[in-house]
Protein backbone atom coordinates (compact mmCIF):
# COMPACT_ATOMS: atom_id res chain seq x y z
CA MET A 1 38.06 45.69 3.69
CA ASP A 2 35.21 43.40 4.72
CA ILE A 3 34.35 41.37 1.58
CA ARG A 4 31.37 38.99 1.77
CA LEU A 5 30.89 36.22 -0.76
CA THR A 6 27.43 34.92 -1.56
CA ALA A 7 26.45 31.77 -3.33
CA ALA A 8 24.95 32.24 -6.87
CA PRO A 9 21.32 30.95 -7.02
CA ARG A 10 21.06 27.47 -7.93
CA ALA A 11 19.54 26.58 -11.19
CA PRO A 12 16.55 24.24 -11.10
CA ALA A 13 17.29 20.60 -12.18
CA PRO A 14 16.48 20.12 -15.87
CA VAL A 15 13.52 18.14 -16.86
CA PRO A 16 14.41 14.98 -18.94
CA ALA A 17 13.57 15.41 -22.56
CA ILE A 18 11.75 12.85 -24.55
CA ALA A 19 13.76 11.78 -27.75
CA ARG A 20 12.08 12.57 -31.00
CA ALA A 21 8.63 13.08 -29.31
CA PRO A 22 6.28 16.05 -30.16
CA ALA A 23 6.62 18.98 -27.97
CA VAL A 24 3.34 18.24 -26.30
CA ALA A 25 4.61 14.82 -25.40
CA ALA A 26 7.14 16.39 -22.95
CA ALA A 27 4.23 17.49 -21.01
CA LEU A 28 3.44 13.83 -20.15
CA LEU A 29 6.31 13.80 -17.58
CA ALA A 30 4.41 16.40 -15.54
CA PHE A 31 1.53 13.99 -15.41
CA GLY A 32 3.77 11.23 -13.91
CA VAL A 33 3.85 9.29 -17.17
CA ALA A 34 7.28 7.75 -16.98
CA ALA A 35 8.16 4.10 -16.79
CA ALA A 36 5.12 1.66 -16.46
CA GLY A 37 6.53 0.03 -13.49
CA PRO A 38 7.96 -3.48 -13.10
CA LEU A 39 7.29 -5.66 -16.14
CA ALA A 40 4.87 -8.53 -15.66
CA ALA A 41 6.10 -12.04 -16.06
CA GLN A 42 5.47 -13.04 -19.62
CA GLU A 43 3.29 -16.18 -20.03
CA THR A 44 4.16 -18.72 -22.45
CA LEU A 45 1.78 -19.30 -25.52
CA ARG A 46 1.32 -22.98 -26.67
CA ALA A 47 1.10 -23.64 -30.45
CA PRO A 48 -1.85 -25.57 -31.87
CA GLU A 49 0.19 -28.97 -31.88
CA ALA A 50 -0.12 -28.95 -27.97
CA PHE A 51 -3.83 -29.55 -28.29
CA ALA A 52 -3.67 -32.47 -30.65
CA GLY A 53 -4.27 -34.85 -28.06
CA ILE A 54 -7.63 -33.72 -27.34
CA ALA A 55 -9.94 -36.14 -29.21
CA ASP A 56 -13.32 -34.24 -29.05
CA GLN A 57 -13.17 -31.42 -31.73
CA ALA A 58 -15.31 -28.98 -29.88
CA GLU A 59 -13.43 -29.51 -26.72
CA ARG A 60 -10.13 -28.87 -28.56
CA SER A 61 -11.53 -25.85 -30.26
CA ALA A 62 -12.52 -24.37 -26.86
CA ALA A 63 -9.14 -25.19 -25.47
CA LEU A 64 -7.49 -23.47 -28.37
CA PHE A 65 -9.53 -20.29 -27.78
CA ALA A 66 -8.75 -20.34 -24.08
CA GLU A 67 -5.09 -20.33 -25.25
CA MET A 68 -5.74 -17.43 -27.31
CA GLY A 69 -7.32 -15.68 -24.25
CA LYS A 70 -3.75 -15.38 -22.87
CA VAL A 71 -3.29 -12.77 -25.39
CA LEU A 72 -6.88 -11.42 -25.52
CA GLN A 73 -6.93 -10.67 -21.73
CA SER A 74 -3.34 -9.45 -21.47
CA PRO A 75 -2.87 -5.68 -20.63
CA ARG A 76 -1.58 -5.12 -24.10
CA CYS A 77 -5.11 -5.81 -25.47
CA LEU A 78 -7.39 -5.00 -22.59
CA ASN A 79 -5.99 -1.37 -22.11
CA CYS A 80 -7.47 -0.32 -25.42
CA HIS A 81 -10.62 -2.41 -25.17
CA PRO A 82 -12.53 -0.91 -22.30
CA VAL A 83 -16.19 -1.53 -21.82
CA THR A 84 -16.79 1.90 -20.10
CA GLY A 85 -14.83 5.21 -19.94
CA GLY A 86 -11.55 5.87 -21.57
CA PRO A 87 -8.28 3.55 -21.99
CA THR A 88 -6.06 2.09 -19.15
CA GLN A 89 -2.40 2.01 -19.46
CA GLY A 90 0.61 0.00 -18.03
CA ASP A 91 0.94 -3.57 -17.02
CA ASP A 92 -1.20 -2.76 -13.95
CA MET A 93 -4.06 -1.19 -16.12
CA HIS A 94 -4.12 1.97 -14.38
CA PRO A 95 -6.30 4.94 -15.53
CA HIS A 96 -4.69 6.72 -18.57
CA MET A 97 -2.74 9.66 -17.74
CA PRO A 98 -3.29 12.48 -18.69
CA PRO A 99 -6.95 11.79 -18.41
CA VAL A 100 -8.73 11.27 -21.77
CA ILE A 101 -12.23 10.34 -22.84
CA ARG A 102 -13.39 7.97 -25.71
CA GLY A 103 -14.93 10.74 -27.94
CA GLU A 104 -17.50 10.09 -30.69
CA ALA A 105 -15.07 8.32 -33.17
CA ASP A 106 -13.06 6.18 -30.35
CA PHE A 107 -10.28 8.68 -30.93
CA GLY A 108 -10.48 11.13 -28.03
CA ALA A 109 -12.12 14.40 -27.55
CA PRO A 110 -11.64 17.22 -30.04
CA GLY A 111 -8.30 18.97 -29.40
CA MET A 112 -7.25 15.92 -27.33
CA THR A 113 -7.13 13.14 -29.90
CA CYS A 114 -4.99 10.08 -29.65
CA ASN A 115 -2.41 11.27 -32.06
CA THR A 116 -1.91 14.40 -30.06
CA CYS A 117 0.76 12.20 -28.09
CA HIS A 118 0.81 8.95 -29.88
CA GLY A 119 2.61 8.97 -33.14
CA ALA A 120 3.31 6.36 -35.89
CA GLY A 121 5.79 4.25 -33.56
CA ASN A 122 6.98 3.91 -29.92
CA VAL A 123 9.09 6.77 -28.74
CA ALA A 124 11.46 6.09 -25.81
CA PHE A 125 12.21 8.52 -23.14
CA THR A 126 15.87 9.66 -23.11
CA THR A 127 16.02 8.41 -19.45
CA GLY A 128 15.51 4.93 -20.63
CA GLU A 129 12.79 4.51 -18.08
CA GLY A 130 9.65 4.06 -20.29
CA SER A 131 8.20 5.11 -23.52
CA ILE A 132 5.17 6.38 -25.23
CA PRO A 133 3.41 3.83 -27.27
CA GLY A 134 2.68 4.34 -30.95
CA HIS A 135 1.31 2.89 -34.11
CA GLU A 136 -0.68 4.07 -37.02
CA PRO A 137 -3.55 3.95 -36.45
CA TRP A 138 -3.76 4.18 -32.69
CA GLN A 139 -7.16 4.55 -31.15
CA LEU A 140 -9.69 2.68 -28.88
CA ALA A 141 -11.68 -0.38 -29.86
CA PRO A 142 -15.43 0.39 -30.22
CA VAL A 143 -17.58 -0.05 -27.30
CA SER A 144 -19.10 -3.17 -28.91
CA MET A 145 -15.59 -4.72 -28.66
CA GLY A 146 -14.96 -3.85 -25.13
CA TRP A 147 -13.32 -6.64 -23.13
CA GLN A 148 -12.36 -5.49 -19.90
CA ASP A 149 -13.97 -7.37 -17.02
CA GLN A 150 -15.66 -9.65 -19.41
CA SER A 151 -15.47 -13.53 -19.18
CA LEU A 152 -13.58 -15.37 -21.83
CA ALA A 153 -16.80 -17.03 -22.95
CA ALA A 154 -18.37 -13.41 -23.42
CA ILE A 155 -15.33 -12.24 -25.27
CA CYS A 156 -15.44 -15.41 -27.61
CA ALA A 157 -19.12 -14.83 -28.38
CA GLN A 158 -18.44 -11.31 -29.17
CA ILE A 159 -15.30 -11.86 -31.49
CA LYS A 160 -17.65 -14.27 -33.57
CA ASP A 161 -20.52 -11.77 -33.96
CA PRO A 162 -20.12 -9.60 -37.08
CA ASP A 163 -22.60 -7.04 -35.54
CA ARG A 164 -19.97 -6.49 -32.85
CA ASN A 165 -16.56 -7.28 -34.29
CA GLY A 166 -16.43 -4.67 -37.00
CA GLY A 167 -18.47 -6.81 -39.66
CA ARG A 168 -15.77 -9.56 -39.66
CA ASP A 169 -16.49 -13.21 -40.70
CA LEU A 170 -14.16 -15.87 -39.38
CA GLU A 171 -11.71 -15.64 -42.20
CA ALA A 172 -11.39 -11.78 -41.74
CA LEU A 173 -10.89 -12.40 -38.21
CA TYR A 174 -7.97 -14.77 -38.79
CA GLU A 175 -6.38 -12.19 -41.15
CA HIS A 176 -6.81 -9.54 -38.39
CA ASN A 177 -5.23 -11.61 -35.66
CA ALA A 178 -2.45 -12.95 -37.93
CA GLU A 179 -1.46 -9.88 -39.90
CA ASP A 180 -2.79 -6.73 -38.52
CA GLY A 181 -0.24 -4.27 -37.35
CA LEU A 182 -1.90 -2.75 -34.32
CA VAL A 183 -2.48 -6.38 -33.08
CA GLY A 184 1.13 -7.05 -33.77
CA TRP A 185 2.23 -4.00 -31.65
CA ALA A 186 1.16 -6.16 -28.69
CA TRP A 187 4.43 -7.96 -29.03
CA HIS A 188 6.59 -4.90 -29.57
CA PRO A 189 5.04 -2.43 -26.94
CA GLY A 190 8.06 -0.39 -26.24
CA GLU A 191 10.30 0.21 -23.14
CA GLY A 192 8.35 -0.27 -19.96
CA ARG A 193 5.71 -2.58 -20.85
CA ALA A 194 5.58 -6.48 -21.04
CA PRO A 195 4.72 -7.82 -24.41
CA ALA A 196 1.71 -10.18 -24.98
CA PRO A 197 2.51 -13.89 -24.38
CA GLY A 198 4.11 -15.64 -27.36
CA SER A 199 4.14 -14.15 -30.76
CA GLN A 200 1.73 -12.93 -33.54
CA GLU A 201 2.73 -15.85 -35.60
CA ILE A 202 1.59 -18.36 -32.79
CA PHE A 203 -1.52 -16.28 -32.02
CA GLY A 204 -2.36 -16.40 -35.85
CA ALA A 205 -1.78 -20.07 -35.80
CA LEU A 206 -3.99 -20.64 -32.86
CA THR A 207 -6.84 -18.46 -34.44
CA ARG A 208 -6.49 -20.60 -37.64
CA ALA A 209 -6.70 -23.89 -35.61
CA TRP A 210 -9.64 -22.68 -33.56
CA ILE A 211 -11.64 -21.78 -36.78
CA ASP A 212 -10.83 -24.91 -38.49
CA THR A 213 -12.05 -26.92 -35.45
CA GLY A 214 -15.41 -25.18 -35.28
CA ALA A 215 -14.60 -21.93 -33.47
CA ALA A 216 -16.13 -23.23 -30.15
CA CYS A 217 -16.30 -21.01 -27.10
CA PRO A 218 -15.26 -22.00 -23.65
CA ALA A 219 -17.85 -22.54 -21.16
CA GLY A 220 -19.09 -19.55 -19.08
């Protein structure tokens, strides 16, 4: 008897699931949203005491803001503070995938709002190779608060301007930097992303010292 054995068809490899993520978030893998790539080396953030030796108060104030700029100009802040277009992502600040637009309320287009994929907290991939960032709320900064490709002097002038900073005076700005949870997310950004330099505590202390020395801006 001539018996021929044939191999059973091979099942396709399973697609890694995403732990606790909404069903729509699993589709992110199809867009290549996995790990954000190698983590960037984290800069140090000096406390205000490091600038006590600068005798001129205006000069010390500008130096304090320059130190704050290590946070303000880190990818954790810049990705959600674009001047034009939608958000960027990752330590290399590549275009957001899947592609999204700002929308009228800085919250994405109808049917594709930020909370379609971003929940109230970070969600790690089960592969351990990245995560979906999250916080409540999660949205883009207004166009008036766009920082990408802006000089530190321009960012400083913008931050001090209530017409462009959400109506905040300097005290409200301090509270925002020192206590706001979305600002604090920058130091707890989830797997696959380098945190902002230092800590929110140091960033808040720098903001306090900058205000108390006159809130001077760095030169051009």
